[in-house]
Amino acid sequence: MGVNKLIKEFIHYLDVERGLATNTLESYGRDLYQYWKYLQSGEDSVSFDSASRKTITSYLLHLQKQGKATATIARRLAALKAFYQFLVRENYVSKDPTADLESPKLEKRLPKVLSVQEVEILLRQPDTSTPVGLRDRSMLELLYATGIRVSELVALDLTNINLEMGYIKCRGKGSRERIVPVGSVAIKFLREFLDKGRPRLLRDEKEQALFINHHGNRLTRQGFWKIVKKYAKNAGIDRDITPHTLRHSFATHLLDNGADLRSVQEMLGHADISTTQIYTHVSQGRLKEVYARAHPRA
């Protein structure tokens, strides 16, 4: 079987059998094509089935010499491990050269979060007297109110929101669907956007996307990224923030104010609670800061 067909079959397997997110599928596809190019780059080209443990190790060292981040190398090895497990299972290769290889240990980086005051300033930046400003304020409010991922935010359709009951329905990683409560402030701006903003941006009455651009089409992740960057600059926030920063801030502020970890895990859509636990480290760090500032003998 040809290389392209083999990789496509593997990606199809990940999609159907394991339900991985689209972004993950695309990353794995790119990683495997890069690996194939490496196999073909030497004097004696190597195929998938003739690659050995030494071949994989040399490839990982090659990535390291290129200056690739540890997280990137770990992801590429994860792609290779999954790929070779698939090849062995389908009898395309007789042995798995990645079987005994351990992923490089990743340094746990604490997520960047904004203070409550910084969030307030950021959310006030859009000019809500315009349709675009109303849309932007609604998106920022909803992101901070729910902690959903940006990909989930831009994927929302009109049928996914229930403002009367105060919740949204979104589809996360692995196509897992979840219900997330929405606060009263975000609901207020969403109502206003649906009433006064969206109708003026709409070009096609059949469009179901909740958030649309000035062409009347669904807003993209890249489009929202630019929006966040613009308002962060306007707010005088000089740190490098991303759309994910509001998700991190949502989780941290909930835990700071006494929310239990399981509830936050559910709202964020984390499959494993260990992913959510990183926010407890952020909260503990903040407690230490408060203690250091407030206690007379700190």
Foldseek 3Di string as FASTA:
>chain_A
DDPVVLLVVLLVCCCPVVLFDPVLSVLLSVLVVVLQCVQCPDPDRDDPQRDALVNLVVVLVVCVVVVDDLVSSLSSLVSLQSSQVVCCVVVVHVDRRSVPPDRDDDDDDQAAADDPVLLVLLLPQFDCVALVSLLLSLLSLQCLQQLEDLQFSLPDFPVQDDLVVAWGWTQDGSRDIAITGGDPVSSVSLVVSVVPRLVCQADDPPDGGSRADNVNHRQDLVNSQVVSVVSCVVSVPPDDDGSSNSSLHSLLVCVLVPDDQVVNCRSHVPPDSVVSCSSVVVSVVVVVVCCVVPPPVD
